[in-house]
Structure formats: C-alpha cells, structure tokens
N, C-alpha and C. Protein backbone atom coordinates (compact mmCIF):
# COMPACT_ATOMS: atom_id res chain seq x y z
N VAL A 1 -9.74 -6.76 -1.39
CA VAL A 1 -10.15 -7.18 -2.64
C VAL A 1 -10.92 -6.18 -3.42
N PHE A 2 -10.17 -5.80 -4.48
CA PHE A 2 -11.01 -5.06 -5.52
C PHE A 2 -11.21 -5.80 -6.73
N VAL A 3 -12.53 -5.85 -7.09
CA VAL A 3 -12.99 -6.89 -8.16
C VAL A 3 -13.33 -5.87 -9.39
N THR A 4 -13.18 -6.35 -10.70
CA THR A 4 -13.37 -5.70 -11.84
C THR A 4 -14.92 -5.83 -12.21
N LYS A 5 -15.48 -4.88 -12.81
CA LYS A 5 -16.73 -5.10 -13.16
C LYS A 5 -16.85 -6.21 -13.94
N TYR A 6 -18.02 -7.03 -13.49
CA TYR A 6 -18.59 -8.24 -14.13
C TYR A 6 -17.32 -9.14 -14.19
N ARG A 7 -16.49 -9.06 -13.19
CA ARG A 7 -15.40 -10.11 -13.19
C ARG A 7 -14.50 -10.40 -14.42
N ARG A 8 -14.57 -9.29 -15.22
CA ARG A 8 -13.90 -9.34 -16.62
C ARG A 8 -12.39 -9.65 -16.26
N LYS A 9 -11.90 -10.14 -17.03
CA LYS A 9 -10.39 -10.55 -17.14
C LYS A 9 -9.65 -9.27 -17.70
N ILE A 10 -9.37 -8.16 -16.96
CA ILE A 10 -8.94 -6.92 -17.71
C ILE A 10 -7.45 -7.01 -17.62
N PHE A 11 -6.82 -7.32 -16.65
CA PHE A 11 -5.34 -7.33 -16.34
C PHE A 11 -4.85 -8.44 -17.08
N ASP A 12 -4.72 -8.43 -18.42
CA ASP A 12 -4.26 -9.82 -19.01
C ASP A 12 -2.97 -9.61 -19.74
N THR A 13 -2.27 -8.44 -19.76
CA THR A 13 -0.87 -8.20 -19.96
C THR A 13 -0.05 -7.64 -18.68
N GLN A 14 1.29 -7.86 -19.13
CA GLN A 14 2.21 -7.34 -17.66
C GLN A 14 2.22 -5.74 -17.90
N GLU A 15 1.92 -5.24 -18.82
CA GLU A 15 1.91 -3.79 -18.82
C GLU A 15 0.70 -3.21 -18.20
N LYS A 16 -0.61 -3.86 -18.07
CA LYS A 16 -1.68 -3.44 -17.63
C LYS A 16 -1.57 -3.82 -16.04
N VAL A 17 -0.93 -4.93 -15.68
CA VAL A 17 -0.41 -5.27 -14.32
C VAL A 17 0.43 -4.01 -13.66
N ASN A 18 1.60 -3.83 -14.58
CA ASN A 18 2.24 -2.85 -13.73
C ASN A 18 1.83 -1.55 -13.68
N THR A 19 0.94 -1.20 -14.80
CA THR A 19 0.25 0.25 -14.69
C THR A 19 -0.74 0.35 -13.41
N MET A 20 -1.48 -0.72 -13.24
CA MET A 20 -2.32 -0.74 -11.94
C MET A 20 -1.53 -0.79 -10.49
N LYS A 21 -0.39 -1.41 -10.69
CA LYS A 21 0.52 -1.45 -9.31
C LYS A 21 1.10 -0.09 -9.18
N ALA A 22 1.44 0.73 -10.23
CA ALA A 22 1.93 1.96 -10.05
C ALA A 22 0.98 3.01 -9.75
N ILE A 23 -0.25 2.87 -10.19
CA ILE A 23 -1.56 3.79 -9.82
C ILE A 23 -1.75 3.62 -8.53
N LEU A 24 -1.86 2.22 -7.82
CA LEU A 24 -2.39 1.98 -6.34
C LEU A 24 -1.19 2.44 -5.56
N GLN A 25 0.39 2.29 -6.05
CA GLN A 25 1.37 2.81 -5.06
C GLN A 25 1.28 4.03 -4.89
N ARG A 26 1.21 4.85 -6.00
CA ARG A 26 1.22 6.41 -6.23
C ARG A 26 0.07 6.93 -5.11
N GLN A 27 -1.31 6.28 -5.27
CA GLN A 27 -2.26 6.90 -4.37
C GLN A 27 -2.00 6.41 -2.93
N ALA A 28 -1.54 5.33 -2.63
CA ALA A 28 -1.21 4.94 -1.31
C ALA A 28 -0.10 5.84 -0.80
N THR A 29 1.00 6.13 -1.34
CA THR A 29 1.69 7.15 -0.97
C THR A 29 1.15 8.69 -0.61
N ILE A 30 0.05 9.05 -1.56
CA ILE A 30 -0.42 10.42 -1.28
C ILE A 30 -1.54 10.31 -0.04
N SER A 31 -2.14 8.97 0.21
CA SER A 31 -2.94 8.88 1.31
C SER A 31 -2.24 8.50 2.72
N GLU A 32 -1.03 8.33 2.56
CA GLU A 32 -0.55 7.74 3.77
C GLU A 32 -0.58 6.35 4.11
N VAL A 33 -0.75 5.60 3.05
CA VAL A 33 -1.00 4.23 3.29
C VAL A 33 0.23 3.44 3.04
N THR A 34 0.47 2.34 3.70
CA THR A 34 1.56 1.43 3.48
C THR A 34 0.95 0.06 3.13
N ILE A 35 1.50 -0.26 1.77
CA ILE A 35 1.08 -1.30 1.06
C ILE A 35 1.77 -2.38 1.16
N SER A 36 1.38 -3.60 2.33
CA SER A 36 2.37 -4.66 2.60
C SER A 36 2.67 -5.67 1.64
N GLN A 37 1.46 -5.97 0.88
CA GLN A 37 1.39 -7.14 -0.16
C GLN A 37 0.31 -6.33 -1.32
N LEU A 38 0.66 -6.68 -2.33
CA LEU A 38 -0.20 -6.59 -3.58
C LEU A 38 0.00 -7.35 -4.53
N GLU A 39 -1.10 -7.73 -5.15
CA GLU A 39 -1.03 -8.75 -6.03
C GLU A 39 -2.38 -8.48 -7.06
N VAL A 40 -1.98 -8.25 -8.23
CA VAL A 40 -2.94 -8.24 -9.42
C VAL A 40 -3.23 -9.37 -10.12
N MET A 41 -4.55 -9.77 -9.93
CA MET A 41 -4.85 -11.05 -10.83
C MET A 41 -5.62 -10.65 -11.93
N PRO A 42 -6.02 -11.51 -13.04
CA PRO A 42 -6.63 -11.06 -14.31
C PRO A 42 -8.03 -10.54 -13.96
N ASP A 43 -8.58 -10.72 -12.75
CA ASP A 43 -10.03 -10.22 -12.85
C ASP A 43 -10.28 -9.33 -11.27
N HIS A 44 -9.33 -9.39 -10.60
CA HIS A 44 -9.34 -8.84 -9.28
C HIS A 44 -7.89 -8.39 -8.64
N VAL A 45 -7.94 -7.57 -7.64
CA VAL A 45 -6.73 -6.98 -6.85
C VAL A 45 -6.65 -7.56 -5.56
N HIS A 46 -5.57 -8.02 -5.05
CA HIS A 46 -5.41 -8.36 -3.57
C HIS A 46 -4.49 -7.39 -3.04
N MET A 47 -4.94 -6.69 -1.75
CA MET A 47 -4.02 -5.86 -1.23
C MET A 47 -4.21 -5.91 0.44
N LEU A 48 -2.87 -5.81 0.85
CA LEU A 48 -2.92 -6.04 2.17
C LEU A 48 -2.26 -4.53 2.64
N ILE A 49 -3.00 -3.66 3.42
CA ILE A 49 -2.79 -2.25 3.71
C ILE A 49 -2.58 -2.19 5.00
N SER A 50 -1.96 -1.15 5.53
CA SER A 50 -2.02 -0.36 6.75
C SER A 50 -1.89 1.04 6.85
N PHE A 51 -2.54 1.64 7.82
CA PHE A 51 -2.69 3.09 7.75
C PHE A 51 -2.93 3.59 9.16
N LYS A 52 -2.84 5.02 9.35
CA LYS A 52 -2.77 5.42 10.80
C LYS A 52 -4.25 5.47 11.24
N PRO A 53 -4.62 5.14 12.61
CA PRO A 53 -5.99 5.17 12.92
C PRO A 53 -6.86 6.38 12.79
N LYS A 54 -6.36 7.47 12.46
CA LYS A 54 -6.83 8.83 12.39
C LYS A 54 -7.70 8.82 10.95
N TYR A 55 -7.76 7.80 10.06
CA TYR A 55 -8.11 7.70 8.88
C TYR A 55 -9.31 6.64 8.87
N ALA A 56 -10.47 6.76 8.42
CA ALA A 56 -11.32 5.70 8.38
C ALA A 56 -11.16 4.76 6.99
N PRO A 57 -11.33 3.49 7.57
CA PRO A 57 -10.90 2.65 6.41
C PRO A 57 -11.94 2.84 5.08
N SER A 58 -13.30 3.28 5.37
CA SER A 58 -13.91 3.30 4.18
C SER A 58 -13.21 4.38 3.37
N ASN A 59 -12.84 5.65 3.92
CA ASN A 59 -12.17 6.77 2.98
C ASN A 59 -10.86 6.26 2.37
N ILE A 60 -10.09 5.32 3.00
CA ILE A 60 -8.86 4.94 2.48
C ILE A 60 -9.35 3.97 1.22
N VAL A 61 -10.23 3.15 1.55
CA VAL A 61 -10.66 2.14 0.10
C VAL A 61 -11.48 3.24 -0.97
N LYS A 62 -12.06 4.18 -0.62
CA LYS A 62 -12.85 4.86 -1.58
C LYS A 62 -11.61 5.67 -2.39
N ASN A 63 -10.55 6.17 -1.58
CA ASN A 63 -9.52 6.77 -2.41
C ASN A 63 -8.59 5.81 -3.24
N LEU A 64 -8.41 4.63 -2.73
CA LEU A 64 -7.64 3.64 -3.57
C LEU A 64 -8.45 3.35 -4.73
N LYS A 65 -9.84 2.95 -4.40
CA LYS A 65 -10.49 2.39 -5.55
C LYS A 65 -10.94 3.63 -6.73
N GLY A 66 -11.05 4.77 -6.02
CA GLY A 66 -11.44 6.03 -7.01
C GLY A 66 -10.41 6.24 -8.13
N ALA A 67 -8.97 6.22 -7.45
CA ALA A 67 -7.95 6.56 -8.24
C ALA A 67 -7.57 5.31 -9.28
N SER A 68 -7.97 4.13 -9.00
CA SER A 68 -7.61 2.99 -9.93
C SER A 68 -8.89 2.67 -10.85
N ALA A 69 -9.97 3.60 -10.85
CA ALA A 69 -11.01 3.17 -11.54
C ALA A 69 -10.86 3.52 -13.10
C-alpha cells in the first residue's frame, strides 16, 4: 500500500488513475516485477507484486515509489 502525502485525495479523475497505473506498470517491467493486482484509490494505491528472490523487497518498493512520486 502506497499512501499519498497527508492522505490527500489526489487520484480523483480517471485520467490520473490511468497515468499512475501506466507509471507503475512501466517501472515494474523495468525492475522485473510482476504486478498481480493493482488498484488506485483516491488517496492510496494497493499493489500485489511478485519478484525474483535475488532482489531485496526494500529496493523494489523504493524503485516503485520513487518512479511514481
């Protein structure tokens, strides 16, 4: 779960939701991460991901959050 700053409802239009999904999908492909489920809510993002064990979970999360900031 990624939360927006101050839990503000930033993803209030379908265009913003689609843009965030595209950014996360692109970064996941680059990082060799498989996104099983992705849901963008108005003030947070839910993701269920899988990745190879050679990667540290903290690095994967850092890459996804950094690219979507």
